[in-house]
Amino acid sequence: MNTRSIDDVIFTPQQIEDIYHISKNNLAQLRYSGKGPVYLKPTPRTILYRKSDVDTWLASSARQTAEQTSTSST
C-alpha cells in the first residue's frame, strides 16, 4: 500500500515554472539569496522541490494590504 500524500510530490524547477508560473531563473536567484522555498540537491547539478515546501513558502508570502510589505517607519 502506497502511503505517500500529494504533499510528498517532488517537482523539478521546470515543473515549478509550469505549475506555479515562477521562472526557473527566478527560482535560481531565490536559491542564491536564500529567500526561496526549501529545496533538495541530491546531486551537484540536480535541484528538486517538495510540493509542501513550495506551498509553505508561498503561504508565508501572503499579504492583505500594501502596508504589510512596507518597511518605512512613521
Protein backbone atom coordinates (compact mmCIF):
# COMPACT_ATOMS: atom_id res chain seq x y z
CA MET A 1 0.00 0.00 0.00
CA ASN A 2 1.38 3.41 -1.00
CA THR A 3 1.06 5.92 1.86
CA ARG A 4 2.59 8.92 0.08
CA SER A 5 0.48 12.04 0.20
CA ILE A 6 0.16 14.67 -2.51
CA ASP A 7 2.37 16.95 -0.37
CA ASP A 8 5.25 14.47 -0.81
CA VAL A 9 5.30 15.06 -4.56
CA ILE A 10 8.69 16.18 -5.86
CA PHE A 11 8.98 18.82 -8.59
CA THR A 12 11.82 19.96 -10.82
CA PRO A 13 12.35 23.70 -11.38
CA GLN A 14 10.72 23.31 -14.81
CA GLN A 15 7.62 21.78 -13.20
CA ILE A 16 7.52 24.62 -10.65
CA GLU A 17 7.63 27.08 -13.55
CA ASP A 18 4.82 25.26 -15.37
CA ILE A 19 2.57 24.87 -12.32
CA TYR A 20 3.24 27.99 -10.23
CA HIS A 21 4.42 30.34 -13.01
CA ILE A 22 7.67 31.17 -11.20
CA SER A 23 10.50 31.16 -13.72
CA LYS A 24 13.48 28.84 -13.35
CA ASN A 25 15.74 31.91 -13.39
CA ASN A 26 13.76 33.50 -10.57
CA LEU A 27 13.96 30.26 -8.58
CA ALA A 28 17.73 30.20 -9.10
CA GLN A 29 18.03 33.79 -7.82
CA LEU A 30 15.85 32.95 -4.83
CA ARG A 31 18.02 29.92 -4.04
CA TYR A 32 21.18 32.04 -4.30
CA SER A 33 19.79 34.72 -1.99
CA GLY A 34 18.30 32.19 0.45
CA LYS A 35 14.80 33.64 0.02
CA GLY A 36 13.10 30.86 -1.93
CA PRO A 37 11.41 27.63 -0.95
CA VAL A 38 13.38 24.85 0.71
CA TYR A 39 14.97 22.68 -1.97
CA LEU A 40 16.70 19.34 -2.29
CA LYS A 41 20.03 18.87 -4.02
CA PRO A 42 20.64 15.10 -4.36
CA THR A 43 23.47 15.64 -6.86
CA PRO A 44 25.60 18.69 -7.67
CA ARG A 45 23.51 19.51 -10.75
CA THR A 46 20.04 18.43 -9.61
CA ILE A 47 17.58 20.72 -7.81
CA LEU A 48 14.23 19.40 -6.60
CA TYR A 49 11.36 20.87 -4.60
CA ARG A 50 8.76 19.21 -2.38
CA LYS A 51 5.22 20.43 -3.07
CA SER A 52 4.67 21.00 0.66
CA ASP A 53 7.79 23.22 0.89
CA VAL A 54 6.72 25.32 -2.10
CA ASP A 55 3.18 25.70 -0.71
CA THR A 56 4.55 26.70 2.72
CA TRP A 57 6.89 29.27 1.14
CA LEU A 58 4.04 30.73 -0.93
CA ALA A 59 1.73 30.90 2.09
CA SER A 60 4.40 32.76 4.09
CA SER A 61 4.46 35.48 1.42
CA ALA A 62 0.72 36.17 1.61
CA ARG A 63 -0.22 39.82 2.18
CA GLN A 64 -3.57 41.54 2.71
CA THR A 65 -2.54 45.16 2.24
CA ALA A 66 0.36 47.10 0.79
CA GLU A 67 1.20 48.33 4.29
CA GLN A 68 2.28 44.83 5.28
CA THR A 69 5.11 44.96 2.76
CA SER A 70 6.22 48.47 3.73
CA THR A 71 9.30 48.87 5.94
CA SER A 72 9.02 52.65 6.43
CA SER A 73 8.89 53.97 9.96
CA THR A 74 6.41 56.71 10.81
